[in-house]
Amino acid sequence: MSQFDYIKEIAKYGLENDQEKLLNVLNDLIEYSKNSKKTNFAIQLQSILKESIRQQKTSSLTKVGSDSYFNRIEDREVGDLILEKLTSDYRLDNIVADENVIDNLNHFIEEHHKSEVLRKFDLPIANKLLLHGPSGCGKTLASYVVAGELNKMMVVVNLGAIVSSKLGETSKNLSKIFRKAASEDCIIFIDEFDSLGKVRDYSQDHGEMKRVVNTILQLFDYLPQSSIVIAATNQKEMLDEALLRRFDFSIGFNLPTEKEIKDLISLTLKNGNFTFDNKTKANKVIKSCIGLSYYSIQKTLVTAIKRSLFAIVNPELILSAKIDTTVWQNLIEIEKKSMNI
């Protein structure tokens, strides 16, 4: 059957409220998607199905105070702590970074692809990854790459909901997230990790930060090796020393060199639809990009492409276009001025 046939059957059995046949077709579609290399779609569908079945088991009347009753409450609470659950199509060839970053990401990913070999020799599998460095240099993208390469669902933590002014509440929220991730063998992604893992010598009311860091240390120690934590920070120096030691990999991201800027531009323009109107001038602009982040450079280039495209009469009728290098140069100058570079 084709994917459309599966969708028609899902609609049919859903409208007929035939749950048994609906579940069978959904499972068939998941297998079909895996075989068709639509792995991310299969993962998302599997997660939805698993969550729906679990909720049905607890949707009947439950006795107040029973395990099921508290599980239902916790499920609702955990949902508020998650910003989003996603799968990723990104791979290692989608990221531009220095050689050390690429090598370390490769080694981390390889440990999970070859986990059976490590288990055979009773060796631990690295599952705690710290990404640190300036903003806009690829830390979040790297987390998507890991999720994509390992075909794992990624849970993005809602930091605003995790951190609470109530005594002990932040630690409880973290524990809920980690329990959820452990049960689903997924990736936990925590951005701005320094807001949670600060050095315990920092003065905090009631020693709350000490409690939070101690909780994270315990959660790290008992995290199943099939689950992964990826933490990102712009301020590694703010993190507690004991917490830093718990990470299996600590990968530092840097601002791009001239070579890496050229690689980024090549990756951005790889489909061949756009080329520079003046290559000599473009090379000068590339040199002037030194000091900006990957994000800033790509953002200004994409904006220059849009403006160049809109300057053409009937752009919807063309297949390729020239990038106005002067426009890009002006955008770079504005970006550097806004960042005091």
C-alpha atoms as a PDB file:
ATOM      1  CA  MET A   1       0.000   0.000   0.000  1.00  0.00           C
ATOM      2  CA  SER A   2       1.019   3.622  -0.537  1.00  0.00           C
ATOM      3  CA  GLN A   3       1.118   6.244   2.211  1.00  0.00           C
ATOM      4  CA  PHE A   4      -2.127   7.708   0.850  1.00  0.00           C
ATOM      5  CA  ASP A   5      -3.841   4.311   1.224  1.00  0.00           C
ATOM      6  CA  TYR A   6      -2.762   4.176   4.877  1.00  0.00           C
ATOM      7  CA  ILE A   7      -4.076   7.711   5.467  1.00  0.00           C
ATOM      8  CA  LYS A   8      -7.447   6.797   3.912  1.00  0.00           C
ATOM      9  CA  GLU A   9      -7.720   3.729   6.126  1.00  0.00           C
ATOM     10  CA  ILE A  10      -6.762   5.765   9.216  1.00  0.00           C
ATOM     11  CA  ALA A  11      -9.514   8.272   8.382  1.00  0.00           C
ATOM     12  CA  LYS A  12     -12.008   5.453   7.771  1.00  0.00           C
ATOM     13  CA  TYR A  13     -11.343   3.537  11.002  1.00  0.00           C
ATOM     14  CA  GLY A  14     -11.041   6.767  12.995  1.00  0.00           C
ATOM     15  CA  LEU A  15     -14.478   7.936  11.858  1.00  0.00           C
ATOM     16  CA  GLU A  16     -15.897   4.467  12.490  1.00  0.00           C
ATOM     17  CA  ASN A  17     -14.320   4.520  15.961  1.00  0.00           C
ATOM     18  CA  ASP A  18     -12.780   1.097  15.284  1.00  0.00           C
ATOM     19  CA  GLN A  19      -9.781   1.414  17.588  1.00  0.00           C
ATOM     20  CA  GLU A  20      -8.342  -2.057  16.998  1.00  0.00           C
ATOM     21  CA  LYS A  21      -8.140  -1.634  13.212  1.00  0.00           C
ATOM     22  CA  LEU A  22      -6.961   1.968  13.621  1.00  0.00           C
ATOM     23  CA  LEU A  23      -4.030   0.880  15.805  1.00  0.00           C
ATOM     24  CA  ASN A  24      -3.124  -1.878  13.347  1.00  0.00           C
ATOM     25  CA  VAL A  25      -3.048   0.553  10.415  1.00  0.00           C
ATOM     26  CA  LEU A  26      -1.042   3.099  12.404  1.00  0.00           C
ATOM     27  CA  ASN A  27       1.547   0.454  13.291  1.00  0.00           C
ATOM     28  CA  ASP A  28       1.670  -0.609   9.625  1.00  0.00           C
ATOM     29  CA  LEU A  29       2.203   3.027   8.596  1.00  0.00           C
ATOM     30  CA  ILE A  30       5.037   3.366  11.109  1.00  0.00           C
ATOM     31  CA  GLU A  31       6.782   0.302   9.631  1.00  0.00           C
ATOM     32  CA  TYR A  32       6.115   1.545   6.088  1.00  0.00           C
ATOM     33  CA  SER A  33       7.633   4.949   6.973  1.00  0.00           C
ATOM     34  CA  LYS A  34      10.735   3.322   8.468  1.00  0.00           C
ATOM     35  CA  ASN A  35      11.209   1.200   5.343  1.00  0.00           C
ATOM     36  CA  SER A  36      10.663   4.288   3.167  1.00  0.00           C
ATOM     37  CA  LYS A  37      13.463   6.137   5.013  1.00  0.00           C
ATOM     38  CA  LYS A  38      10.942   8.561   6.559  1.00  0.00           C
ATOM     39  CA  THR A  39      12.440   7.854   9.939  1.00  0.00           C
ATOM     40  CA  ASN A  40      11.581  11.142  11.640  1.00  0.00           C
ATOM     41  CA  PHE A  41       7.935  10.859  10.650  1.00  0.00           C
ATOM     42  CA  ALA A  42       7.924   7.300  12.000  1.00  0.00           C
ATOM     43  CA  ILE A  43       9.466   8.434  15.305  1.00  0.00           C
ATOM     44  CA  GLN A  44       6.936  11.237  15.737  1.00  0.00           C
ATOM     45  CA  LEU A  45       4.009   8.937  14.900  1.00  0.00           C
ATOM     46  CA  GLN A  46       5.337   6.292  17.291  1.00  0.00           C
ATOM     47  CA  SER A  47       5.620   8.877  20.073  1.00  0.00           C
ATOM     48  CA  ILE A  48       2.053  10.116  19.487  1.00  0.00           C
ATOM     49  CA  LEU A  49       0.729   6.546  19.495  1.00  0.00           C
ATOM     50  CA  LYS A  50       2.632   5.603  22.636  1.00  0.00           C
ATOM     51  CA  GLU A  51       1.475   8.735  24.471  1.00  0.00           C
ATOM     52  CA  SER A  52      -2.145   8.208  23.405  1.00  0.00           C
ATOM     53  CA  ILE A  53      -2.193   4.584  24.584  1.00  0.00           C
ATOM     54  CA  ARG A  54      -0.635   5.550  27.918  1.00  0.00           C
ATOM     55  CA  GLN A  55      -3.171   8.332  28.438  1.00  0.00           C
ATOM     56  CA  GLN A  56      -6.057   5.981  27.650  1.00  0.00           C
ATOM     57  CA  LYS A  57      -4.846   3.612  30.342  1.00  0.00           C
ATOM     58  CA  THR A  58      -5.089   6.383  32.909  1.00  0.00           C
ATOM     59  CA  SER A  59      -8.164   8.173  31.541  1.00  0.00           C
ATOM     60  CA  SER A  60     -10.679   6.027  33.392  1.00  0.00           C
ATOM     61  CA  LEU A  61     -11.879   6.932  36.871  1.00  0.00           C
ATOM     62  CA  THR A  62      -9.021   6.711  39.343  1.00  0.00           C
ATOM     63  CA  LYS A  63      -9.027   6.679  43.083  1.00  0.00           C
ATOM     64  CA  VAL A  64      -7.773   9.898  44.649  1.00  0.00           C
ATOM     65  CA  GLY A  65      -4.352   9.220  46.164  1.00  0.00           C
ATOM     66  CA  SER A  66      -3.654   6.127  44.026  1.00  0.00           C
ATOM     67  CA  ASP A  67      -0.517   5.741  41.847  1.00  0.00           C
ATOM     68  CA  SER A  68      -2.588   6.290  38.674  1.00  0.00           C
ATOM     69  CA  TYR A  69      -4.067   9.462  40.133  1.00  0.00           C
ATOM     70  CA  PHE A  70      -0.643  10.968  40.858  1.00  0.00           C
ATOM     71  CA  ASN A  71       0.731   9.783  37.479  1.00  0.00           C
ATOM     72  CA  ARG A  72      -2.027  11.692  35.681  1.00  0.00           C
ATOM     73  CA  ILE A  73      -1.269  14.845  37.652  1.00  0.00           C
ATOM     74  CA  GLU A  74       2.454  14.524  36.939  1.00  0.00           C
ATOM     75  CA  ASP A  75       1.841  14.004  33.205  1.00  0.00           C
ATOM     76  CA  ARG A  76      -0.025  17.314  33.025  1.00  0.00           C
ATOM     77  CA  GLU A  77       2.689  19.056  35.023  1.00  0.00           C
ATOM     78  CA  VAL A  78       5.514  17.647  32.877  1.00  0.00           C
ATOM     79  CA  GLY A  79       3.778  18.917  29.742  1.00  0.00           C
ATOM     80  CA  ASP A  80       4.134  22.473  31.045  1.00  0.00           C
ATOM     81  CA  LEU A  81       7.882  21.963  31.552  1.00  0.00           C
ATOM     82  CA  ILE A  82       8.493  20.982  27.920  1.00  0.00           C
ATOM     83  CA  LEU A  83       8.874  23.726  25.317  1.00  0.00           C
ATOM     84  CA  GLU A  84       8.549  21.260  22.442  1.00  0.00           C
ATOM     85  CA  LYS A  85       9.191  17.662  21.413  1.00  0.00           C
ATOM     86  CA  LEU A  86      10.795  17.297  18.000  1.00  0.00           C
ATOM     87  CA  THR A  87      12.677  15.062  15.611  1.00  0.00           C
ATOM     88  CA  SER A  88      15.419  16.304  13.313  1.00  0.00           C
ATOM     89  CA  ASP A  89      16.513  15.831   9.708  1.00  0.00           C
ATOM     90  CA  TYR A  90      19.886  17.490  10.351  1.00  0.00           C
ATOM     91  CA  ARG A  91      23.072  15.492   9.806  1.00  0.00           C
ATOM     92  CA  LEU A  92      26.769  16.182  10.325  1.00  0.00           C
ATOM     93  CA  ASP A  93      27.091  17.606   6.809  1.00  0.00           C
ATOM     94  CA  ASN A  94      24.551  20.316   7.753  1.00  0.00           C
ATOM     95  CA  ILE A  95      26.861  21.964  10.272  1.00  0.00           C
ATOM     96  CA  VAL A  96      29.937  24.115   9.690  1.00  0.00           C
ATOM     97  CA  ALA A  97      32.394  24.252  12.595  1.00  0.00           C
ATOM     98  CA  ASP A  98      36.071  23.760  13.353  1.00  0.00           C
ATOM     99  CA  GLU A  99      37.608  20.301  13.065  1.00  0.00           C
ATOM    100  CA  ASN A 100      37.635  19.676  16.808  1.00  0.00           C
ATOM    101  CA  VAL A 101      33.858  20.235  17.093  1.00  0.00           C
ATOM    102  CA  ILE A 102      33.075  17.920  14.172  1.00  0.00           C
ATOM    103  CA  ASP A 103      35.414  15.205  15.499  1.00  0.00           C
ATOM    104  CA  ASN A 104      33.897  15.298  18.983  1.00  0.00           C
ATOM    105  CA  LEU A 105      30.326  15.204  17.657  1.00  0.00           C
ATOM    106  CA  ASN A 106      31.344  12.272  15.471  1.00  0.00           C
ATOM    107  CA  HIS A 107      32.817  10.362  18.417  1.00  0.00           C
ATOM    108  CA  PHE A 108      29.756  11.024  20.604  1.00  0.00           C
ATOM    109  CA  ILE A 109      27.385   9.813  17.889  1.00  0.00           C
ATOM    110  CA  GLU A 110      29.564   6.785  17.130  1.00  0.00           C
ATOM    111  CA  GLU A 111      29.344   5.584  20.754  1.00  0.00           C
ATOM    112  CA  HIS A 112      25.564   5.300  20.409  1.00  0.00           C
ATOM    113  CA  HIS A 113      25.682   3.692  16.978  1.00  0.00           C
ATOM    114  CA  LYS A 114      28.103   1.096  18.373  1.00  0.00           C
ATOM    115  CA  SER A 115      26.617   0.799  21.852  1.00  0.00           C
ATOM    116  CA  GLU A 116      26.415  -2.997  21.649  1.00  0.00           C
ATOM    117  CA  VAL A 117      30.202  -3.225  21.267  1.00  0.00           C
ATOM    118  CA  LEU A 118      30.698  -1.058  24.359  1.00  0.00           C
ATOM    119  CA  ARG A 119      28.186  -3.111  26.364  1.00  0.00           C
ATOM    120  CA  LYS A 120      29.934  -6.320  25.346  1.00  0.00           C
ATOM    121  CA  PHE A 121      33.118  -5.108  27.011  1.00  0.00           C
ATOM    122  CA  ASP A 122      31.240  -3.500  29.920  1.00  0.00           C
ATOM    123  CA  LEU A 123      32.263   0.020  28.868  1.00  0.00           C
ATOM    124  CA  PRO A 124      30.095   3.101  29.605  1.00  0.00           C
ATOM    125  CA  ILE A 125      28.286   4.916  26.791  1.00  0.00           C
ATOM    126  CA  ALA A 126      28.762   8.690  26.754  1.00  0.00           C
ATOM    127  CA  ASN A 127      25.336  10.304  27.214  1.00  0.00           C
ATOM    128  CA  LYS A 128      26.003  13.730  28.725  1.00  0.00           C
ATOM    129  CA  LEU A 129      27.125  16.420  26.297  1.00  0.00           C
ATOM    130  CA  LEU A 130      28.026  20.040  27.118  1.00  0.00           C
ATOM    131  CA  LEU A 131      28.118  22.575  24.273  1.00  0.00           C
ATOM    132  CA  HIS A 132      29.698  25.925  25.162  1.00  0.00           C
ATOM    133  CA  GLY A 133      30.823  29.046  23.366  1.00  0.00           C
ATOM    134  CA  PRO A 134      29.591  32.391  21.991  1.00  0.00           C
ATOM    135  CA  SER A 135      25.990  32.866  20.954  1.00  0.00           C
ATOM    136  CA  GLY A 136      25.164  32.046  17.336  1.00  0.00           C
ATOM    137  CA  CYS A 137      28.034  29.613  16.794  1.00  0.00           C
ATOM    138  CA  GLY A 138      26.061  26.393  16.288  1.00  0.00           C
ATOM    139  CA  LYS A 139      25.343  24.910  19.713  1.00  0.00           C
ATOM    140  CA  THR A 140      21.602  24.463  19.138  1.00  0.00           C
ATOM    141  CA  LEU A 141      22.215  23.245  15.582  1.00  0.00           C
ATOM    142  CA  ALA A 142      24.666  20.669  16.978  1.00  0.00           C
ATOM    143  CA  SER A 143      21.927  19.314  19.255  1.00  0.00           C
ATOM    144  CA  TYR A 144      19.663  18.899  16.203  1.00  0.00           C
ATOM    145  CA  VAL A 145      22.497  17.090  14.419  1.00  0.00           C
ATOM    146  CA  VAL A 146      22.878  14.615  17.307  1.00  0.00           C
ATOM    147  CA  ALA A 147      19.091  14.027  17.360  1.00  0.00           C
ATOM    148  CA  GLY A 148      19.038  13.545  13.600  1.00  0.00           C
ATOM    149  CA  GLU A 149      22.036  11.229  13.438  1.00  0.00           C
ATOM    150  CA  LEU A 150      20.676   9.055  16.267  1.00  0.00           C
ATOM    151  CA  ASN A 151      17.021   9.212  15.136  1.00  0.00           C
ATOM    152  CA  LYS A 152      15.934  10.165  18.643  1.00  0.00           C
ATOM    153  CA  MET A 153      13.109  12.375  19.832  1.00  0.00           C
ATOM    154  CA  MET A 154      14.411  15.553  21.492  1.00  0.00           C
ATOM    155  CA  VAL A 155      12.641  17.192  24.434  1.00  0.00           C
ATOM    156  CA  VAL A 156      13.430  20.909  24.645  1.00  0.00           C
ATOM    157  CA  VAL A 157      13.170  22.037  28.259  1.00  0.00           C
ATOM    158  CA  ASN A 158      11.059  25.103  29.021  1.00  0.00           C
ATOM    159  CA  LEU A 159      13.547  26.864  31.280  1.00  0.00           C
ATOM    160  CA  GLY A 160      11.055  29.559  32.276  1.00  0.00           C
ATOM    161  CA  ALA A 161       8.714  26.885  33.643  1.00  0.00           C
ATOM    162  CA  ILE A 162      11.490  24.788  35.232  1.00  0.00           C
ATOM    163  CA  VAL A 163      12.957  27.571  37.362  1.00  0.00           C
ATOM    164  CA  SER A 164      10.647  28.432  40.248  1.00  0.00           C
ATOM    165  CA  SER A 165      10.834  30.924  43.093  1.00  0.00           C
ATOM    166  CA  LYS A 166       9.247  28.338  45.388  1.00  0.00           C
ATOM    167  CA  LEU A 167      11.697  26.559  47.651  1.00  0.00           C
ATOM    168  CA  GLY A 168      12.652  23.157  46.221  1.00  0.00           C
ATOM    169  CA  GLU A 169      10.295  23.448  43.230  1.00  0.00           C
ATOM    170  CA  THR A 170      13.064  23.798  40.594  1.00  0.00           C
ATOM    171  CA  SER A 171      14.657  20.537  41.746  1.00  0.00           C
ATOM    172  CA  LYS A 172      11.276  18.762  41.621  1.00  0.00           C
ATOM    173  CA  ASN A 173      10.651  20.063  38.085  1.00  0.00           C
ATOM    174  CA  LEU A 174      14.038  18.803  36.904  1.00  0.00           C
ATOM    175  CA  SER A 175      13.361  15.372  38.399  1.00  0.00           C
ATOM    176  CA  LYS A 176      10.046  15.160  36.511  1.00  0.00           C
ATOM    177  CA  ILE A 177      11.704  15.997  33.189  1.00  0.00           C
ATOM    178  CA  PHE A 178      14.454  13.425  33.693  1.00  0.00           C
ATOM    179  CA  ARG A 179      11.949  10.704  34.648  1.00  0.00           C
ATOM    180  CA  LYS A 180       9.963  11.457  31.504  1.00  0.00           C
ATOM    181  CA  ALA A 181      13.076  11.310  29.302  1.00  0.00           C
ATOM    182  CA  ALA A 182      14.250   8.072  30.913  1.00  0.00           C
ATOM    183  CA  SER A 183      10.903   6.412  30.187  1.00  0.00           C
ATOM    184  CA  GLU A 184      11.028   7.458  26.513  1.00  0.00           C
ATOM    185  CA  ASP A 185      14.776   7.019  25.793  1.00  0.00           C
ATOM    186  CA  CYS A 186      14.951  10.489  24.289  1.00  0.00           C
ATOM    187  CA  ILE A 187      17.286  13.488  24.334  1.00  0.00           C
ATOM    188  CA  ILE A 188      16.851  16.270  26.916  1.00  0.00           C
ATOM    189  CA  PHE A 189      18.062  19.622  25.572  1.00  0.00           C
ATOM    190  CA  ILE A 190      18.642  22.401  28.123  1.00  0.00           C
ATOM    191  CA  ASP A 191      19.705  25.758  26.714  1.00  0.00           C
ATOM    192  CA  GLU A 192      21.220  28.494  28.936  1.00  0.00           C
ATOM    193  CA  PHE A 193      22.319  25.746  31.305  1.00  0.00           C
ATOM    194  CA  ASP A 194      24.330  28.230  33.407  1.00  0.00           C
ATOM    195  CA  SER A 195      21.042  29.477  34.894  1.00  0.00           C
ATOM    196  CA  LEU A 196      20.670  26.041  36.561  1.00  0.00           C
ATOM    197  CA  GLY A 197      24.190  24.810  37.174  1.00  0.00           C
ATOM    198  CA  LYS A 198      25.924  27.830  38.716  1.00  0.00           C
ATOM    199  CA  VAL A 199      28.893  27.426  41.039  1.00  0.00           C
ATOM    200  CA  ARG A 200      27.579  26.500  44.476  1.00  0.00           C
ATOM    201  CA  ASP A 201      29.649  29.195  46.162  1.00  0.00           C
ATOM    202  CA  TYR A 202      27.354  31.860  44.661  1.00  0.00           C
ATOM    203  CA  SER A 203      25.164  33.491  47.307  1.00  0.00           C
ATOM    204  CA  GLN A 204      21.580  32.285  46.945  1.00  0.00           C
ATOM    205  CA  ASP A 205      18.595  32.652  49.265  1.00  0.00           C
ATOM    206  CA  HIS A 206      18.050  29.487  51.343  1.00  0.00           C
ATOM    207  CA  GLY A 207      20.915  27.771  49.456  1.00  0.00           C
ATOM    208  CA  GLU A 208      18.450  27.011  46.642  1.00  0.00           C
ATOM    209  CA  MET A 209      21.145  26.938  43.941  1.00  0.00           C
ATOM    210  CA  LYS A 210      23.120  24.382  45.942  1.00  0.00           C
ATOM    211  CA  ARG A 211      20.038  22.172  46.074  1.00  0.00           C
ATOM    212  CA  VAL A 212      19.482  22.522  42.312  1.00  0.00           C
ATOM    213  CA  VAL A 213      23.082  21.635  41.452  1.00  0.00           C
ATOM    214  CA  ASN A 214      23.019  18.670  43.856  1.00  0.00           C
ATOM    215  CA  THR A 215      19.808  17.463  42.207  1.00  0.00           C
ATOM    216  CA  ILE A 216      21.347  17.715  38.718  1.00  0.00           C
ATOM    217  CA  LEU A 217      24.397  15.765  39.890  1.00  0.00           C
ATOM    218  CA  GLN A 218      22.161  12.960  41.182  1.00  0.00           C
ATOM    219  CA  LEU A 219      20.000  12.954  38.039  1.00  0.00           C
ATOM    220  CA  PHE A 220      23.133  12.744  35.873  1.00  0.00           C
ATOM    221  CA  ASP A 221      24.499   9.837  37.914  1.00  0.00           C
ATOM    222  CA  TYR A 222      21.319   7.774  37.526  1.00  0.00           C
ATOM    223  CA  LEU A 223      20.468   8.692  33.925  1.00  0.00           C
ATOM    224  CA  PRO A 224      19.949   5.516  31.808  1.00  0.00           C
ATOM    225  CA  GLN A 225      22.618   5.216  29.122  1.00  0.00           C
ATOM    226  CA  SER A 226      19.969   5.025  26.399  1.00  0.00           C
ATOM    227  CA  SER A 227      18.855   8.563  27.328  1.00  0.00           C
ATOM    228  CA  ILE A 228      20.930  11.646  26.506  1.00  0.00           C
ATOM    229  CA  VAL A 229      21.327  15.096  28.072  1.00  0.00           C
ATOM    230  CA  ILE A 230      22.620  17.946  25.925  1.00  0.00           C
ATOM    231  CA  ALA A 231      23.276  21.219  27.769  1.00  0.00           C
ATOM    232  CA  ALA A 232      24.270  24.475  26.083  1.00  0.00           C
ATOM    233  CA  THR A 233      25.740  27.604  27.634  1.00  0.00           C
ATOM    234  CA  ASN A 234      27.468  30.836  26.652  1.00  0.00           C
ATOM    235  CA  GLN A 235      29.102  31.021  30.090  1.00  0.00           C
ATOM    236  CA  LYS A 236      30.935  27.805  30.892  1.00  0.00           C
ATOM    237  CA  GLU A 237      32.947  29.571  33.598  1.00  0.00           C
ATOM    238  CA  MET A 238      29.723  30.032  35.582  1.00  0.00           C
ATOM    239  CA  LEU A 239      29.134  26.270  35.897  1.00  0.00           C
ATOM    240  CA  ASP A 240      29.916  24.307  39.034  1.00  0.00           C
ATOM    241  CA  GLU A 241      33.158  22.316  38.812  1.00  0.00           C
ATOM    242  CA  ALA A 242      31.576  19.038  39.948  1.00  0.00           C
ATOM    243  CA  LEU A 243      28.889  19.453  37.302  1.00  0.00           C
ATOM    244  CA  LEU A 244      31.464  20.088  34.581  1.00  0.00           C
ATOM    245  CA  ARG A 245      33.192  16.810  35.471  1.00  0.00           C
ATOM    246  CA  ARG A 246      29.946  14.856  34.996  1.00  0.00           C
ATOM    247  CA  PHE A 247      29.790  15.637  31.268  1.00  0.00           C
ATOM    248  CA  ASP A 248      31.298  12.921  29.076  1.00  0.00           C
ATOM    249  CA  PHE A 249      32.017  15.408  26.283  1.00  0.00           C
ATOM    250  CA  SER A 250      32.579  19.151  26.590  1.00  0.00           C
ATOM    251  CA  ILE A 251      32.677  20.764  23.143  1.00  0.00           C
ATOM    252  CA  GLY A 252      33.757  24.368  22.705  1.00  0.00           C
ATOM    253  CA  PHE A 253      32.373  26.401  19.794  1.00  0.00           C
ATOM    254  CA  ASN A 254      34.257  29.396  18.399  1.00  0.00           C
ATOM    255  CA  LEU A 255      33.570  32.279  16.035  1.00  0.00           C
ATOM    256  CA  PRO A 256      34.223  31.224  12.416  1.00  0.00           C
ATOM    257  CA  THR A 257      37.539  31.665  10.656  1.00  0.00           C
ATOM    258  CA  GLU A 258      37.697  32.903   7.058  1.00  0.00           C
ATOM    259  CA  LYS A 259      37.730  29.304   5.803  1.00  0.00           C
ATOM    260  CA  GLU A 260      34.690  28.389   7.892  1.00  0.00           C
ATOM    261  CA  ILE A 261      32.843  31.507   6.668  1.00  0.00           C
ATOM    262  CA  LYS A 262      33.463  30.360   3.088  1.00  0.00           C
ATOM    263  CA  ASP A 263      32.236  26.857   3.998  1.00  0.00           C
ATOM    264  CA  LEU A 264      29.098  28.360   5.550  1.00  0.00           C
ATOM    265  CA  ILE A 265      28.389  30.401   2.418  1.00  0.00           C
ATOM    266  CA  SER A 266      28.939  27.354   0.193  1.00  0.00           C
ATOM    267  CA  LEU A 267      26.502  25.355   2.340  1.00  0.00           C
ATOM    268  CA  THR A 268      23.925  28.181   2.246  1.00  0.00           C
ATOM    269  CA  LEU A 269      24.176  28.472  -1.554  1.00  0.00           C
ATOM    270  CA  LYS A 270      24.569  24.745  -2.286  1.00  0.00           C
ATOM    271  CA  ASN A 271      21.349  24.438  -4.307  1.00  0.00           C
ATOM    272  CA  GLY A 272      22.910  26.668  -6.988  1.00  0.00           C
ATOM    273  CA  ASN A 273      19.957  29.046  -7.297  1.00  0.00           C
ATOM    274  CA  PHE A 274      21.974  32.083  -6.224  1.00  0.00           C
ATOM    275  CA  THR A 275      25.480  33.386  -7.012  1.00  0.00           C
ATOM    276  CA  PHE A 276      27.264  36.652  -6.224  1.00  0.00           C
ATOM    277  CA  ASP A 277      27.158  39.431  -8.815  1.00  0.00           C
ATOM    278  CA  ASN A 278      30.788  40.318  -8.039  1.00  0.00           C
ATOM    279  CA  LYS A 279      33.057  37.531  -6.737  1.00  0.00           C
ATOM    280  CA  THR A 280      35.989  39.853  -5.996  1.00  0.00           C
ATOM    281  CA  LYS A 281      33.812  42.145  -3.903  1.00  0.00           C
ATOM    282  CA  ALA A 282      32.184  39.125  -2.228  1.00  0.00           C
ATOM    283  CA  ASN A 283      35.625  37.886  -1.104  1.00  0.00           C
ATOM    284  CA  LYS A 284      36.263  41.273   0.513  1.00  0.00           C
ATOM    285  CA  VAL A 285      32.934  41.111   2.326  1.00  0.00           C
ATOM    286  CA  ILE A 286      33.835  37.596   3.550  1.00  0.00           C
ATOM    287  CA  LYS A 287      37.036  38.968   5.096  1.00  0.00           C
ATOM    288  CA  SER A 288      35.017  41.730   6.789  1.00  0.00           C
ATOM    289  CA  CYS A 289      32.782  39.060   8.376  1.00  0.00           C
ATOM    290  CA  ILE A 290      35.570  38.045  10.762  1.00  0.00           C
ATOM    291  CA  GLY A 291      34.336  38.584  14.320  1.00  0.00           C
ATOM    292  CA  LEU A 292      30.697  37.798  13.572  1.00  0.00           C
ATOM    293  CA  SER A 293      28.963  34.534  14.484  1.00  0.00           C
ATOM    294  CA  TYR A 294      27.784  31.889  12.029  1.00  0.00           C
ATOM    295  CA  TYR A 295      24.211  32.964  12.750  1.00  0.00           C
ATOM    296  CA  SER A 296      24.836  36.654  12.007  1.00  0.00           C
ATOM    297  CA  ILE A 297      26.680  35.906   8.766  1.00  0.00           C
ATOM    298  CA  GLN A 298      24.043  33.503   7.463  1.00  0.00           C
ATOM    299  CA  LYS A 299      21.210  35.826   8.543  1.00  0.00           C
ATOM    300  CA  THR A 300      22.658  38.795   6.627  1.00  0.00           C
ATOM    301  CA  LEU A 301      23.367  36.649   3.557  1.00  0.00           C
ATOM    302  CA  VAL A 302      19.810  35.268   3.450  1.00  0.00           C
ATOM    303  CA  THR A 303      18.427  38.802   3.871  1.00  0.00           C
ATOM    304  CA  ALA A 304      20.638  39.993   0.978  1.00  0.00           C
ATOM    305  CA  ILE A 305      19.305  37.128  -1.173  1.00  0.00           C
ATOM    306  CA  LYS A 306      15.695  38.126  -0.396  1.00  0.00           C
ATOM    307  CA  ARG A 307      16.300  41.796  -1.195  1.00  0.00           C
ATOM    308  CA  SER A 308      18.141  40.933  -4.407  1.00  0.00           C
ATOM    309  CA  LEU A 309      15.274  38.670  -5.430  1.00  0.00           C
ATOM    310  CA  PHE A 310      12.594  41.278  -4.695  1.00  0.00           C
ATOM    311  CA  ALA A 311      14.489  43.846  -6.816  1.00  0.00           C
ATOM    312  CA  ILE A 312      13.859  41.689  -9.895  1.00  0.00           C
ATOM    313  CA  VAL A 313      10.749  42.204 -12.030  1.00  0.00           C
ATOM    314  CA  ASN A 314       8.535  39.103 -11.836  1.00  0.00           C
ATOM    315  CA  PRO A 315      10.876  37.063  -9.553  1.00  0.00           C
ATOM    316  CA  GLU A 316       8.359  34.206  -9.570  1.00  0.00           C
ATOM    317  CA  LEU A 317       9.245  33.528 -13.232  1.00  0.00           C
ATOM    318  CA  ILE A 318      13.000  33.004 -12.720  1.00  0.00           C
ATOM    319  CA  LEU A 319      14.943  29.933 -11.564  1.00  0.00           C
ATOM    320  CA  SER A 320      18.159  31.627 -10.423  1.00  0.00           C
ATOM    321  CA  ALA A 321      19.397  35.091  -9.495  1.00  0.00           C
ATOM    322  CA  LYS A 322      22.451  37.159  -8.637  1.00  0.00           C
ATOM    323  CA  ILE A 323      23.057  38.327  -5.072  1.00  0.00           C
ATOM    324  CA  ASP A 324      23.658  42.066  -4.817  1.00  0.00           C
ATOM    325  CA  THR A 325      27.012  42.087  -3.008  1.00  0.00           C
ATOM    326  CA  THR A 326      26.661  45.755  -2.072  1.00  0.00           C
ATOM    327  CA  VAL A 327      23.434  44.967  -0.219  1.00  0.00           C
ATOM    328  CA  TRP A 328      25.164  42.155   1.694  1.00  0.00           C
ATOM    329  CA  GLN A 329      28.130  44.414   2.517  1.00  0.00           C
ATOM    330  CA  ASN A 330      25.796  47.068   3.957  1.00  0.00           C
ATOM    331  CA  LEU A 331      23.985  44.465   6.047  1.00  0.00           C
ATOM    332  CA  ILE A 332      27.297  43.172   7.417  1.00  0.00           C
ATOM    333  CA  GLU A 333      28.355  46.701   8.380  1.00  0.00           C
ATOM    334  CA  ILE A 334      25.026  47.287  10.161  1.00  0.00           C
ATOM    335  CA  GLU A 335      25.336  43.938  11.984  1.00  0.00           C
ATOM    336  CA  LYS A 336      28.893  44.705  13.155  1.00  0.00           C
ATOM    337  CA  LYS A 337      27.892  48.182  14.299  1.00  0.00           C
ATOM    338  CA  SER A 338      24.940  46.813  16.286  1.00  0.00           C
ATOM    339  CA  MET A 339      27.302  44.392  18.040  1.00  0.00           C
ATOM    340  CA  ASN A 340      30.069  46.983  18.590  1.00  0.00           C
ATOM    341  CA  ILE A 341      32.564  45.053  16.461  1.00  0.00           C
END
